[in-house]
C-alpha cells in the first residue's frame, strides 16, 4: 500500500503553460535626480608622511528621485530589475612635492556611498527609512555572496577582485583606487557602479509588483555619508597632494509592466491592495573601554515581526589595533555566553560561546540568512576575518585557534558578526518573526575576566517584515510593520 500520492512528473504533463495577454508590454524607465546632477567635495589633503590613518569629509547630500506614477491602474513596477547606477571620479588635483601614497580602498562596496534611504508616499508619508544603509548592504553582501561571486560581480558592486597576488585573495573589501596608490599623478580616475536597489516598495526587497499607476506620487531620497567610505591607511612620502571626489551619472534603472486592459480585467483592481516585503533597521549603542563581565546592551529594535538581528562590534580608534575601516570593521567580544533577552526570555535558550565554539557561532550566523545546507551557504567571510576580536585583557588561553588576531586590515574587512534567526519556521509565511513592539530587547554578553581595551560601538542590523496597503481609489499608500 502506497503512503504517498501516485503521479507523474510535470515534464510528462500535456497541459500548456499560461500565455500572457496580447496587450501586455514591458519597458525600461530611467529616473534621474530631480534636485541635483552631481556631488563634489572641496579640496581634500592626500595622506602624507605619516602612518596615521585619516578620514575624508564628504558633503552629506540628499539625492531625490521622483518615480514616474499615475500612468493608469494597469501599470506596475517589476522590482527584480531595479538598480541604482552612478559614477565616482577619484581625482588627483595636484601631486604636491613628490607625493606618494599607500594603497587606498573603497570600503566594502559601492553601496557604502549611500548613508540613508527614505521612501515617501503620495501625501509625503514616510513608507520606509533605512539608516546606515551601507552597513546593511555590507552585512547582506558578506552573507549572501561567496568568493567566486564577488570576483564575477566586482565590476558592478565595486568589489576587490581576486588577483594573482596573495594580498588580494578572498578579501572582503571594496576595490583599490588605482590613482590614489603609489606615486600620485594628476588626473581623473573614474569608476562606475550598478547595484540592485535595496528597497521594499519597488526594489529587491519587495515580493510583489507594485501598482505604480494607481498612485500619483512615489519618491525615493538617498542621502550620501558625511565621511567618504575610503580607507587611506598607510603613510607616504612627500606632501601637498590634493584630492577631490565627484559623484555623477546618478540614476535609477527600473522596469515597468503594462498589463493592458485585458490583463486588468483578470485582476482584482479595486479596493485595497496588499504588498508584503522585508526591510531593515539599524541601531547602535556605545560600549566604553574597560567593559567586561556581565554586559547587557539595549538594542532599541522595534517591530511586529523581527526575523533576525545581526550584531557588529566596532572598535572605535581609527588605527590598525582598532578599525582602519571605521564602522565597516566588525569584531567579536570575548564572550563565553552570548544571547538576546527579549522581555525576560533568553534567545537562544542555550547561549553561544564566541570564545570556545566559533564553529557553532558561524553556523548560527548562517541561519540568519536561511542557509542550512552547503549549497545555500554562500558567505564570503573567511576564517581569519571571522576570528578577529576586540583588543582585550585576560584573553583565555584555551580559545578557539581561529580567534587569532585583534588587528584591522586596510585590504580586507574584519567580519566577526554575531546573529540569531528569530523565525518560527525559516522561510515560512508572513509575519513569522518575533514581536518586539511591546518589549525591550537586549543582547547579553559574559566576557568573564576579559575587559575591552578600547571603546566600541555595537551596531544591531535587524531584518523585519513590512506590509504596504495601497488604496486604489485614492492612491494613498499606508504602512504596517
Protein backbone atom coordinates (compact mmCIF):
# COMPACT_ATOMS: atom_id res chain seq x y z
CA UNK A 1 0.00 0.00 0.00
CA UNK A 2 1.45 3.34 -1.04
CA UNK A 3 1.67 6.05 1.62
CA UNK A 4 2.17 8.79 -0.98
CA UNK A 5 0.07 10.08 -3.85
CA UNK A 6 0.76 8.44 -7.23
CA UNK A 7 1.52 10.84 -10.04
CA UNK A 8 3.73 11.67 -12.99
CA UNK A 9 6.46 14.32 -13.27
CA UNK A 10 5.40 17.65 -14.75
CA UNK A 11 7.59 17.00 -17.80
CA UNK A 12 5.03 14.34 -18.83
CA UNK A 13 2.07 16.67 -18.41
CA UNK A 14 0.09 17.54 -21.56
CA UNK A 15 -1.05 20.86 -20.10
CA UNK A 16 0.38 24.04 -21.59
CA UNK A 17 1.79 26.87 -19.51
CA UNK A 18 -0.24 30.06 -19.35
CA UNK A 19 0.01 32.65 -22.09
CA UNK A 20 0.32 36.34 -21.32
CA UNK A 21 -2.45 38.66 -22.54
CA UNK A 22 -1.81 40.07 -26.01
CA UNK A 23 -1.92 43.65 -24.74
CA UNK A 24 0.76 43.21 -22.07
CA UNK A 25 4.03 45.10 -22.57
CA UNK A 26 7.12 45.99 -20.58
CA UNK A 27 9.60 48.81 -20.99
CA UNK A 28 12.62 50.29 -19.18
CA UNK A 29 12.38 53.55 -17.26
CA UNK A 30 15.38 55.67 -16.31
CA UNK A 31 14.92 58.08 -13.40
CA UNK A 32 17.47 60.84 -12.77
CA UNK A 33 17.54 63.00 -9.61
CA UNK A 34 15.16 65.94 -9.60
CA UNK A 35 17.29 68.14 -7.35
CA UNK A 36 20.94 67.54 -8.26
CA UNK A 37 23.07 66.04 -11.01
CA UNK A 38 26.42 65.66 -9.26
CA UNK A 39 28.06 65.91 -5.85
CA UNK A 40 31.59 67.26 -5.44
CA UNK A 41 33.89 67.71 -2.48
CA UNK A 42 36.24 70.60 -1.93
CA UNK A 43 39.99 70.05 -1.87
CA UNK A 44 40.99 67.02 0.22
CA UNK A 45 44.52 66.54 1.57
CA UNK A 46 46.36 63.41 0.46
CA UNK A 47 47.85 61.25 3.22
CA UNK A 48 51.44 62.43 3.59
CA UNK A 49 54.48 61.47 5.63
CA UNK A 50 52.58 59.61 8.31
CA UNK A 51 51.30 56.17 9.19
CA UNK A 52 48.26 57.62 10.96
CA UNK A 53 45.04 56.92 9.03
CA UNK A 54 42.72 59.81 8.22
CA UNK A 55 39.06 60.26 7.35
CA UNK A 56 37.98 62.29 4.33
CA UNK A 57 34.98 64.56 4.74
CA UNK A 58 32.18 64.40 2.18
CA UNK A 59 29.07 66.58 1.75
CA UNK A 60 26.03 64.72 3.12
CA UNK A 61 23.59 65.44 0.30
CA UNK A 62 20.02 64.23 -0.34
CA UNK A 63 19.51 62.87 -3.84
CA UNK A 64 15.79 62.89 -4.72
CA UNK A 65 14.15 60.61 -7.29
CA UNK A 66 10.52 61.22 -8.29
CA UNK A 67 9.30 57.87 -9.57
CA UNK A 68 7.00 58.23 -12.63
CA UNK A 69 3.48 57.41 -11.42
CA UNK A 70 -0.21 57.89 -12.26
CA UNK A 71 0.05 56.08 -15.58
CA UNK A 72 -3.14 54.08 -15.17
CA UNK A 73 -4.02 51.14 -12.94
CA UNK A 74 -2.64 48.67 -15.45
CA UNK A 75 0.98 49.82 -14.83
CA UNK A 76 3.28 48.00 -12.36
CA UNK A 77 6.98 48.02 -11.44
CA UNK A 78 8.90 44.75 -11.85
CA UNK A 79 11.10 45.11 -8.76
CA UNK A 80 13.54 42.42 -9.91
CA UNK A 81 15.06 44.80 -12.46
CA UNK A 82 15.50 47.79 -10.13
CA UNK A 83 19.09 49.01 -9.90
CA UNK A 84 20.98 52.13 -8.82
CA UNK A 85 23.88 53.25 -11.01
CA UNK A 86 26.36 56.09 -10.65
CA UNK A 87 29.95 57.04 -11.32
CA UNK A 88 32.68 58.31 -8.99
CA UNK A 89 35.74 60.28 -10.06
CA UNK A 90 38.59 59.83 -7.57
CA UNK A 91 40.61 62.78 -8.82
CA UNK A 92 44.17 63.85 -8.09
CA UNK A 93 44.08 67.64 -8.41
CA UNK A 94 47.76 68.22 -7.70
CA UNK A 95 50.66 65.96 -6.73
CA UNK A 96 52.42 68.34 -4.34
CA UNK A 97 56.09 67.68 -3.66
CA UNK A 98 56.91 64.15 -4.85
CA UNK A 99 53.72 62.94 -3.14
CA UNK A 100 53.23 59.19 -2.86
CA UNK A 101 50.55 57.25 -1.01
CA UNK A 102 49.98 53.70 0.10
CA UNK A 103 47.10 51.61 -1.24
CA UNK A 104 43.65 53.20 -0.92
CA UNK A 105 40.39 51.25 -0.86
CA UNK A 106 36.68 51.83 -1.25
CA UNK A 107 35.11 50.45 1.93
CA UNK A 108 33.00 47.33 1.41
CA UNK A 109 31.27 48.13 -1.91
CA UNK A 110 29.60 50.88 -3.92
CA UNK A 111 26.53 50.93 -1.66
CA UNK A 112 28.64 52.48 1.10
CA UNK A 113 28.17 55.77 -0.79
CA UNK A 114 24.58 55.75 0.50
CA UNK A 115 24.04 56.59 4.16
CA UNK A 116 20.27 56.66 4.29
CA UNK A 117 17.38 55.64 2.04
CA UNK A 118 13.89 57.08 2.64
CA UNK A 119 10.78 56.27 0.59
CA UNK A 120 7.84 58.71 0.57
CA UNK A 121 4.26 58.06 -0.48
CA UNK A 122 1.63 60.21 -2.16
CA UNK A 123 0.95 62.56 0.78
CA UNK A 124 4.56 62.79 1.88
CA UNK A 125 4.15 59.97 4.41
CA UNK A 126 7.35 58.02 5.14
CA UNK A 127 6.87 54.47 3.90
CA UNK A 128 10.33 53.14 4.71
CA UNK A 129 13.50 54.60 6.18
CA UNK A 130 16.79 52.67 6.32
CA UNK A 131 19.63 54.38 8.16
CA UNK A 132 23.19 53.08 7.99
CA UNK A 133 22.25 51.85 4.52
CA UNK A 134 25.83 50.96 3.58
CA UNK A 135 26.26 48.90 6.74
CA UNK A 136 23.12 46.89 5.96
CA UNK A 137 24.32 46.32 2.40
CA UNK A 138 27.74 45.19 3.63
CA UNK A 139 26.19 42.73 6.09
CA UNK A 140 23.98 41.18 3.41
CA UNK A 141 26.74 41.08 0.83
CA UNK A 142 29.10 39.18 3.11
CA UNK A 143 26.41 36.63 3.99
CA UNK A 144 24.84 36.16 0.56
CA UNK A 145 27.73 36.30 -1.91
CA UNK A 146 30.60 33.81 -1.95
CA UNK A 147 34.16 34.50 -3.06
CA UNK A 148 33.63 33.37 -6.66
CA UNK A 149 30.52 35.53 -7.00
CA UNK A 150 32.39 38.53 -5.61
CA UNK A 151 35.00 38.16 -8.35
CA UNK A 152 32.41 37.81 -11.10
CA UNK A 153 30.32 40.78 -9.93
CA UNK A 154 33.19 43.03 -8.82
CA UNK A 155 32.75 45.47 -11.71
CA UNK A 156 29.09 46.03 -10.74
CA UNK A 157 29.50 46.34 -6.98
CA UNK A 158 32.96 47.91 -6.86
CA UNK A 159 34.49 44.93 -5.06
CA UNK A 160 38.14 44.00 -4.69
CA UNK A 161 38.51 41.17 -7.21
CA UNK A 162 40.86 38.27 -6.59
CA UNK A 163 44.21 38.79 -8.29
CA UNK A 164 47.37 36.77 -8.74
CA UNK A 165 48.98 38.41 -5.72
CA UNK A 166 48.13 36.75 -2.42
CA UNK A 167 47.29 40.11 -0.83
CA UNK A 168 44.01 40.21 -2.76
CA UNK A 169 42.90 36.61 -2.18
CA UNK A 170 39.47 36.17 -0.56
CA UNK A 171 39.40 39.81 0.57
CA UNK A 172 36.11 41.28 1.82
CA UNK A 173 36.74 44.84 0.69
CA UNK A 174 35.92 47.36 -1.98
CA UNK A 175 38.28 47.85 -4.89
CA UNK A 176 41.61 49.59 -4.60
CA UNK A 177 41.71 53.11 -6.05
CA UNK A 178 44.46 52.98 -8.63
CA UNK A 179 45.08 56.70 -8.94
CA UNK A 180 45.35 57.11 -5.18
CA UNK A 181 48.02 54.47 -4.65
CA UNK A 182 51.76 54.85 -5.13
CA UNK A 183 53.23 57.92 -6.84
CA UNK A 184 50.46 60.40 -7.48
CA UNK A 185 49.76 61.61 -10.99
CA UNK A 186 47.38 64.48 -11.61
CA UNK A 187 44.19 63.45 -13.39
CA UNK A 188 40.83 61.73 -13.11
CA UNK A 189 40.20 58.12 -12.09
CA UNK A 190 36.64 57.06 -12.98
CA UNK A 191 34.80 54.04 -11.55
CA UNK A 192 31.22 53.21 -12.49
CA UNK A 193 28.85 51.14 -10.34
CA UNK A 194 25.49 49.45 -10.79
CA UNK A 195 23.89 47.66 -7.82
CA UNK A 196 20.48 46.10 -7.17
CA UNK A 197 18.27 48.68 -5.45
CA UNK A 198 17.65 47.76 -1.82
CA UNK A 199 14.07 48.99 -1.42
CA UNK A 200 10.96 47.32 -0.03
CA UNK A 201 8.41 49.07 -2.29
CA UNK A 202 9.90 48.77 -5.76
CA UNK A 203 13.36 47.25 -5.17
CA UNK A 204 14.82 43.82 -4.50
CA UNK A 205 13.23 43.53 -1.03
CA UNK A 206 9.69 43.71 -2.46
CA UNK A 207 7.78 40.49 -3.06
CA UNK A 208 5.09 41.71 -5.49
CA UNK A 209 4.97 44.09 -8.44
CA UNK A 210 3.89 47.48 -7.10
CA UNK A 211 0.91 49.09 -8.86
CA UNK A 212 2.68 52.38 -9.57
CA UNK A 213 -0.07 53.52 -11.94
CA UNK A 214 -2.65 53.56 -9.13
CA UNK A 215 -0.87 56.25 -7.11
CA UNK A 216 0.08 59.79 -8.08
CA UNK A 217 3.41 60.08 -6.27
CA UNK A 218 6.27 57.90 -5.07
CA UNK A 219 9.60 59.40 -4.10
CA UNK A 220 12.97 57.95 -3.06
CA UNK A 221 15.55 60.03 -1.25
CA UNK A 222 19.11 58.71 -0.97
CA UNK A 223 21.49 60.63 1.29
CA UNK A 224 25.27 60.42 0.96
CA UNK A 225 27.52 59.97 4.03
CA UNK A 226 29.38 62.83 5.74
CA UNK A 227 32.58 60.77 5.73
CA UNK A 228 33.80 59.33 2.43
CA UNK A 229 33.84 55.49 2.63
CA UNK A 230 37.51 55.29 1.71
CA UNK A 231 40.36 53.78 3.70
CA UNK A 232 43.66 55.67 3.49
CA UNK A 233 45.69 53.66 5.91
CA UNK A 234 49.40 53.77 5.19
CA UNK A 235 51.97 56.52 5.30
CA UNK A 236 53.60 58.16 2.33
CA UNK A 237 56.42 60.42 1.28
CA UNK A 238 56.29 63.98 0.09
CA UNK A 239 53.48 66.39 0.86
CA UNK A 240 51.00 68.83 -0.59
CA UNK A 241 48.96 66.44 -2.73
CA UNK A 242 45.33 67.45 -3.24
CA UNK A 243 42.44 65.05 -3.93
CA UNK A 244 38.81 65.54 -4.95
CA UNK A 245 35.77 63.27 -5.25
CA UNK A 246 32.86 63.76 -7.65
CA UNK A 247 29.75 61.56 -7.97
CA UNK A 248 27.77 61.91 -11.19
CA UNK A 249 25.71 59.94 -13.75
CA UNK A 250 23.29 59.06 -10.94
CA UNK A 251 20.14 57.23 -11.99
CA UNK A 252 17.62 54.54 -11.12
CA UNK A 253 17.05 51.84 -13.72
CA UNK A 254 13.51 50.45 -13.49
CA UNK A 255 11.29 48.11 -15.49
CA UNK A 256 7.61 48.92 -15.92
CA UNK A 257 4.90 46.45 -16.94
CA UNK A 258 1.60 47.47 -18.50
CA UNK A 259 -0.77 44.50 -18.31
CA UNK A 260 -3.23 46.20 -20.66
CA UNK A 261 -6.99 46.33 -20.33
CA UNK A 262 -7.44 42.60 -20.86
CA UNK A 263 -4.91 41.86 -18.17
CA UNK A 264 -6.51 44.40 -15.84
CA UNK A 265 -9.87 42.63 -16.18
CA UNK A 266 -8.22 39.42 -14.97
CA UNK A 267 -7.11 41.15 -11.77
CA UNK A 268 -8.98 42.42 -8.76
CA UNK A 269 -8.11 46.06 -9.36
CA UNK A 270 -10.44 47.76 -6.89
CA UNK A 271 -10.30 48.47 -3.17
CA UNK A 272 -7.16 47.70 -1.16
CA UNK A 273 -4.01 46.01 -2.44
CA UNK A 274 -1.51 44.46 -0.03
CA UNK A 275 2.25 44.33 -0.64
CA UNK A 276 4.34 42.27 1.80
CA UNK A 277 8.10 42.88 1.84
CA UNK A 278 11.15 42.85 4.06
CA UNK A 279 13.15 45.82 5.26
CA UNK A 280 15.95 46.64 7.70
CA UNK A 281 16.55 48.80 10.74
CA UNK A 282 19.86 49.68 12.38
CA UNK A 283 20.51 50.93 15.90
CA UNK A 284 23.71 51.29 17.90
CA UNK A 285 24.92 51.66 21.45
CA UNK A 286 28.28 52.66 22.91
CA UNK A 287 30.44 50.32 24.97
CA UNK A 288 33.15 52.12 26.99
CA UNK A 289 36.73 50.91 27.34
CA UNK A 290 37.26 48.63 30.32
CA UNK A 291 33.90 46.89 29.89
CA UNK A 292 33.76 43.26 30.92
CA UNK A 293 31.99 40.57 32.91
CA UNK A 294 28.21 40.63 32.54
CA UNK A 295 27.28 43.15 29.83
CA UNK A 296 23.68 43.98 28.86
CA UNK A 297 23.03 46.35 25.94
CA UNK A 298 19.64 47.69 24.80
CA UNK A 299 19.11 47.03 21.08
CA UNK A 300 16.30 49.63 20.62
CA UNK A 301 14.90 47.47 17.79
CA UNK A 302 11.10 47.59 17.41
CA UNK A 303 8.74 45.76 15.04
CA UNK A 304 5.90 43.28 14.96
CA UNK A 305 7.88 40.65 13.06
CA UNK A 306 11.65 40.76 13.56
CA UNK A 307 13.18 37.90 11.56
CA UNK A 308 16.78 38.24 12.74
CA UNK A 309 19.28 40.57 14.37
CA UNK A 310 22.96 40.65 13.47
CA UNK A 311 25.39 42.36 15.85
CA UNK A 312 28.55 44.11 14.68
CA UNK A 313 31.03 45.34 17.31
CA UNK A 314 33.19 48.18 16.00
CA UNK A 315 36.35 49.09 17.90
CA UNK A 316 36.40 52.87 17.52
CA UNK A 317 40.05 54.00 17.29
CA UNK A 318 40.89 54.67 13.63
CA UNK A 319 44.01 52.51 13.63
CA UNK A 320 45.32 49.02 12.92
CA UNK A 321 44.67 47.99 16.53
CA UNK A 322 41.18 49.50 16.28
CA UNK A 323 39.32 49.76 12.99
CA UNK A 324 41.07 51.05 9.88
CA UNK A 325 37.76 50.77 8.02
CA UNK A 326 35.79 52.54 10.76
CA UNK A 327 32.28 51.07 11.30
CA UNK A 328 32.73 48.62 8.41
CA UNK A 329 35.11 46.57 10.57
CA UNK A 330 33.23 44.16 12.85
CA UNK A 331 34.99 42.34 15.68
CA UNK A 332 33.77 39.99 18.39
CA UNK A 333 33.81 40.43 22.13
CA UNK A 334 35.49 37.65 24.11
CA UNK A 335 32.13 36.43 25.32
CA UNK A 336 31.73 32.88 26.62
CA UNK A 337 27.95 33.33 26.76
CA UNK A 338 26.03 35.43 24.21
CA UNK A 339 22.24 35.59 23.89
CA UNK A 340 19.37 38.02 23.45
CA UNK A 341 16.97 38.88 26.24
CA UNK A 342 13.52 39.71 24.87
CA UNK A 343 11.02 40.72 27.54
CA UNK A 344 12.74 38.43 30.04
CA UNK A 345 13.02 35.48 27.64
CA UNK A 346 16.52 34.34 26.71
CA UNK A 347 17.02 33.64 22.99
CA UNK A 348 18.60 31.22 22.30
CA UNK A 349 17.87 29.33 25.48
CA UNK A 350 21.39 27.90 25.25
CA UNK A 351 23.72 30.91 24.85
CA UNK A 352 26.52 30.83 22.27
CA UNK A 353 30.18 30.68 23.36
CA UNK A 354 32.06 33.02 21.00
CA UNK A 355 35.45 32.11 22.50
CA UNK A 356 35.50 28.32 22.52
CA UNK A 357 32.86 27.47 19.89
CA UNK A 358 33.37 29.66 16.82
CA UNK A 359 32.01 26.92 14.55
CA UNK A 360 28.61 27.00 16.27
CA UNK A 361 28.68 30.79 16.27
CA UNK A 362 29.27 30.82 12.50
CA UNK A 363 26.58 28.19 11.90
CA UNK A 364 24.08 30.30 13.87
CA UNK A 365 25.04 33.32 11.78
CA UNK A 366 24.40 31.37 8.58
CA UNK A 367 20.91 30.51 9.81
CA UNK A 368 20.15 34.25 9.87
CA UNK A 369 20.42 34.09 6.10
CA UNK A 370 18.21 30.96 5.93
CA UNK A 371 21.26 28.90 4.99
CA UNK A 372 21.17 25.30 6.18
CA UNK A 373 22.98 23.29 3.51
CA UNK A 374 26.36 23.71 1.77
CA UNK A 375 24.55 24.78 -1.39
CA UNK A 376 22.80 27.60 0.47
CA UNK A 377 25.83 28.76 2.47
CA UNK A 378 27.32 31.40 0.21
CA UNK A 379 29.14 33.57 2.72
CA UNK A 380 32.41 35.23 1.70
CA UNK A 381 33.56 35.53 5.33
CA UNK A 382 36.84 33.63 5.65
CA UNK A 383 38.02 32.10 8.98
CA UNK A 384 40.80 34.63 9.53
CA UNK A 385 38.33 37.51 9.22
CA UNK A 386 35.68 35.83 11.37
CA UNK A 387 38.23 35.30 14.11
CA UNK A 388 39.08 38.98 14.68
CA UNK A 389 38.28 40.09 18.21
CA UNK A 390 38.30 43.33 20.21
CA UNK A 391 41.59 44.09 21.94
CA UNK A 392 41.08 42.83 25.49
CA UNK A 393 42.82 41.91 28.70
CA UNK A 394 42.96 38.34 30.02
CA UNK A 395 42.45 36.53 26.73
CA UNK A 396 41.54 32.88 27.53
CA UNK A 397 44.43 30.52 26.79
CA UNK A 398 42.07 27.79 25.57
CA UNK A 399 40.29 29.96 23.00
CA UNK A 400 39.48 28.59 19.55
CA UNK A 401 42.52 28.65 17.24
CA UNK A 402 40.62 30.79 14.73
CA UNK A 403 40.27 33.53 17.35
CA UNK A 404 43.74 34.69 16.48
CA UNK A 405 44.07 38.44 15.99
CA UNK A 406 42.82 41.86 17.04
CA UNK A 407 44.37 43.71 14.10
CA UNK A 408 42.38 45.54 11.47
CA UNK A 409 43.50 45.45 7.83
CA UNK A 410 43.07 48.08 5.14
CA UNK A 411 42.78 45.47 2.39
CA UNK A 412 40.06 43.30 3.94
CA UNK A 413 37.28 43.93 6.44
CA UNK A 414 37.05 42.34 9.89
CA UNK A 415 33.83 40.31 9.67
CA UNK A 416 33.13 38.79 13.06
CA UNK A 417 29.33 39.08 13.20
CA UNK A 418 27.02 37.52 15.77
CA UNK A 419 23.49 36.83 14.63
CA UNK A 420 20.40 34.87 15.52
CA UNK A 421 17.34 33.87 13.49
CA UNK A 422 14.02 34.57 15.30
CA UNK A 423 11.74 33.00 12.69
CA UNK A 424 9.35 30.37 14.00
CA UNK A 425 9.89 28.31 10.86
CA UNK A 426 12.57 29.50 8.46
CA UNK A 427 11.36 30.62 5.02
CA UNK A 428 7.78 30.30 6.25
CA UNK A 429 4.85 32.67 5.84
CA UNK A 430 4.24 36.31 6.54
CA UNK A 431 4.90 37.79 10.00
CA UNK A 432 6.87 34.73 11.05
CA UNK A 433 9.35 36.69 13.16
CA UNK A 434 9.21 37.65 16.82
CA UNK A 435 7.12 40.61 18.00
CA UNK A 436 9.30 43.26 19.65
CA UNK A 437 6.84 46.16 19.61
CA UNK A 438 5.79 45.75 23.23
CA UNK A 439 9.08 44.57 24.66
CA UNK A 440 12.58 45.85 25.22
CA UNK A 441 15.27 43.63 23.76
CA UNK A 442 18.85 43.34 24.97
CA UNK A 443 21.95 41.46 23.97
CA UNK A 444 23.75 39.95 26.92
CA UNK A 445 27.45 39.10 26.93
CA UNK A 446 29.57 37.40 29.57
CA UNK A 447 33.27 38.07 28.99
CA UNK A 448 34.40 36.62 32.31
CA UNK A 449 37.62 38.30 33.44
CA UNK A 450 38.33 39.79 29.98
CA UNK A 451 37.82 43.53 29.59
CA UNK A 452 37.89 45.68 26.46
CA UNK A 453 40.98 47.83 25.92
CA UNK A 454 39.24 50.39 23.70
CA UNK A 455 35.81 51.96 23.42
CA UNK A 456 33.44 50.25 20.99
CA UNK A 457 30.15 50.87 19.23
CA UNK A 458 27.79 47.91 18.86
CA UNK A 459 25.55 48.03 15.78
CA UNK A 460 22.35 45.97 15.53
CA UNK A 461 21.15 45.17 11.98
CA UNK A 462 17.58 43.84 12.10
CA UNK A 463 15.60 42.21 9.28
CA UNK A 464 11.85 42.66 9.61
CA UNK A 465 8.55 42.23 7.80
CA UNK A 466 6.70 45.22 6.42
CA UNK A 467 3.32 45.43 4.65
CA UNK A 468 2.17 48.23 2.35
CA UNK A 469 -1.52 48.87 1.75
CA UNK A 470 -2.46 50.68 -1.46
CA UNK A 471 -5.93 52.19 -1.66
CA UNK A 472 -6.58 52.14 -5.40
CA UNK A 473 -9.50 54.56 -5.02
CA UNK A 474 -7.39 57.38 -3.54
CA UNK A 475 -3.84 56.35 -4.48
CA UNK A 476 -2.75 56.56 -0.84
CA UNK A 477 -0.20 54.06 0.48
CA UNK A 478 -0.05 53.20 4.18
CA UNK A 479 2.45 51.01 6.00
CA UNK A 480 2.15 48.36 8.69
CA UNK A 481 5.12 46.83 10.44
